[in-house]
C-alpha atoms as a PDB file:
ATOM      1  CA  MET A   1       4.851 -26.920 -21.872  1.00  0.00           C
ATOM      2  CA  ALA A   2       4.854 -28.504 -18.395  1.00  0.00           C
ATOM      3  CA  SER A   3       7.133 -25.692 -17.211  1.00  0.00           C
ATOM      4  CA  LYS A   4       4.598 -23.065 -18.334  1.00  0.00           C
ATOM      5  CA  LYS A   5       1.811 -24.886 -16.513  1.00  0.00           C
ATOM      6  CA  ARG A   6       3.876 -25.025 -13.310  1.00  0.00           C
ATOM      7  CA  GLY A   7       4.672 -21.339 -13.669  1.00  0.00           C
ATOM      8  CA  PHE A   8       1.015 -20.508 -14.168  1.00  0.00           C
ATOM      9  CA  ARG A   9      -0.007 -22.608 -11.163  1.00  0.00           C
ATOM     10  CA  SER A  10       2.627 -20.890  -9.044  1.00  0.00           C
ATOM     11  CA  LEU A  11       1.360 -17.483 -10.147  1.00  0.00           C
ATOM     12  CA  GLN A  12      -2.221 -18.569  -9.566  1.00  0.00           C
ATOM     13  CA  THR A  13      -1.375 -19.760  -6.031  1.00  0.00           C
ATOM     14  CA  THR A  14       0.415 -16.527  -5.255  1.00  0.00           C
ATOM     15  CA  MET A  15      -2.343 -14.314  -6.633  1.00  0.00           C
ATOM     16  CA  ALA A  16      -4.985 -16.254  -4.705  1.00  0.00           C
ATOM     17  CA  LYS A  17      -3.349 -14.987  -1.505  1.00  0.00           C
ATOM     18  CA  VAL A  18      -3.771 -11.331  -2.474  1.00  0.00           C
ATOM     19  CA  PRO A  19      -6.953  -9.879  -0.957  1.00  0.00           C
ATOM     20  CA  PRO A  20      -9.435  -8.690  -3.616  1.00  0.00           C
ATOM     21  CA  GLU A  21      -9.692  -5.270  -1.958  1.00  0.00           C
ATOM     22  CA  HIS A  22      -5.999  -4.732  -2.735  1.00  0.00           C
ATOM     23  CA  PHE A  23      -6.735  -5.034  -6.446  1.00  0.00           C
ATOM     24  CA  ARG A  24      -9.775  -2.779  -6.171  1.00  0.00           C
ATOM     25  CA  ARG A  25      -7.756  -0.073  -4.398  1.00  0.00           C
ATOM     26  CA  ALA A  26      -4.929  -0.297  -6.917  1.00  0.00           C
ATOM     27  CA  LEU A  27      -7.238  -0.107  -9.912  1.00  0.00           C
ATOM     28  CA  GLN A  28      -9.378   2.709  -8.542  1.00  0.00           C
ATOM     29  CA  LYS A  29      -6.528   5.166  -7.949  1.00  0.00           C
ATOM     30  CA  ALA A  30      -7.201   8.011 -10.323  1.00  0.00           C
ATOM     31  CA  ALA A  31      -6.677  11.080  -8.100  1.00  0.00           C
ATOM     32  CA  ARG A  32      -3.409  12.702  -7.136  1.00  0.00           C
ATOM     33  CA  ILE A  33      -2.364  14.763  -4.139  1.00  0.00           C
ATOM     34  CA  ASN A  34       0.626  17.056  -4.436  1.00  0.00           C
ATOM     35  CA  PHE A  35       2.392  18.608  -1.478  1.00  0.00           C
ATOM     36  CA  ALA A  36       5.760  20.172  -0.884  1.00  0.00           C
ATOM     37  CA  VAL A  37       8.484  18.541   1.202  1.00  0.00           C
ATOM     38  CA  SER A  38      12.188  19.164   1.488  1.00  0.00           C
ATOM     39  CA  LEU A  39      14.564  16.947  -0.461  1.00  0.00           C
ATOM     40  CA  GLU A  40      15.667  15.453   2.864  1.00  0.00           C
ATOM     41  CA  GLU A  41      12.079  14.663   3.894  1.00  0.00           C
ATOM     42  CA  LYS A  42      11.392  13.111   0.505  1.00  0.00           C
ATOM     43  CA  ALA A  43      14.451  10.887   0.812  1.00  0.00           C
ATOM     44  CA  GLU A  44      13.495   9.889   4.375  1.00  0.00           C
ATOM     45  CA  ILE A  45       9.962   8.967   3.310  1.00  0.00           C
ATOM     46  CA  GLN A  46      11.245   6.946   0.365  1.00  0.00           C
ATOM     47  CA  ARG A  47      13.768   5.106   2.568  1.00  0.00           C
ATOM     48  CA  ALA A  48      11.101   4.327   5.153  1.00  0.00           C
ATOM     49  CA  ALA A  49       8.709   3.024   2.484  1.00  0.00           C
ATOM     50  CA  LYS A  50      11.440   0.890   0.953  1.00  0.00           C
ATOM     51  CA  SER A  51      12.365  -0.554   4.358  1.00  0.00           C
ATOM     52  CA  PHE A  52       8.811  -1.934   4.597  1.00  0.00           C
ATOM     53  CA  GLY A  53       8.807  -3.112   0.985  1.00  0.00           C
ATOM     54  CA  LEU A  54       6.169  -0.537   0.051  1.00  0.00           C
ATOM     55  CA  THR A  55       5.781   2.137  -2.540  1.00  0.00           C
ATOM     56  CA  THR A  56       5.781   5.699  -1.233  1.00  0.00           C
ATOM     57  CA  THR A  57       2.047   5.907  -1.933  1.00  0.00           C
ATOM     58  CA  ASP A  58       1.249   2.690  -0.058  1.00  0.00           C
ATOM     59  CA  TYR A  59       3.469   3.784   2.840  1.00  0.00           C
ATOM     60  CA  LEU A  60       1.741   7.169   3.166  1.00  0.00           C
ATOM     61  CA  LEU A  61      -1.705   5.598   2.836  1.00  0.00           C
ATOM     62  CA  GLY A  62      -0.759   3.066   5.516  1.00  0.00           C
ATOM     63  CA  LEU A  63       0.256   5.898   7.845  1.00  0.00           C
ATOM     64  CA  HIS A  64      -3.038   7.624   7.065  1.00  0.00           C
ATOM     65  CA  ARG A  65      -4.993   4.478   7.990  1.00  0.00           C
ATOM     66  CA  LEU A  66      -3.025   4.159  11.241  1.00  0.00           C
ATOM     67  CA  ALA A  67      -3.656   7.819  12.102  1.00  0.00           C
ATOM     68  CA  ARG A  68      -7.385   7.455  11.415  1.00  0.00           C
ATOM     69  CA  ALA A  69      -7.583   4.309  13.538  1.00  0.00           C
ATOM     70  CA  ALA A  70      -5.752   6.044  16.391  1.00  0.00           C
ATOM     71  CA  ALA A  71      -8.012   9.095  16.120  1.00  0.00           C
ATOM     72  CA  ARG A  72     -11.093   6.874  16.065  1.00  0.00           C
ATOM     73  CA  LYS A  73      -9.873   5.023  19.149  1.00  0.00           C
ATOM     74  CA  SER A  74      -9.097   8.197  21.093  1.00  0.00           C
ATOM     75  CA  SER A  75     -12.412   9.791  20.141  1.00  0.00           C
ATOM     76  CA  GLY A  76     -14.468   6.773  21.053  1.00  0.00           C
ATOM     77  CA  GLY A  77     -15.068   5.672  17.466  1.00  0.00           C
ATOM     78  CA  SER A  78     -16.705   8.818  16.104  1.00  0.00           C
ATOM     79  CA  LEU A  79     -14.267   9.399  13.221  1.00  0.00           C
END
């Protein structure tokens, strides 16, 4: 029983470090976007995502956030 409690505490400590907005984003994903890429592009995207320890979705959304931030910066914050 003590082992289960330690395991739970470890999980609790780990989960406490995850920002709440991460859970909200993950639970709210109900829409899909489909687009065509070559098999080579698909493999490249998957390798890149894996190299960062991300899913393909999280990798592409991260790139989207970076692109928006860069566009906002270059436009003086109007995006």
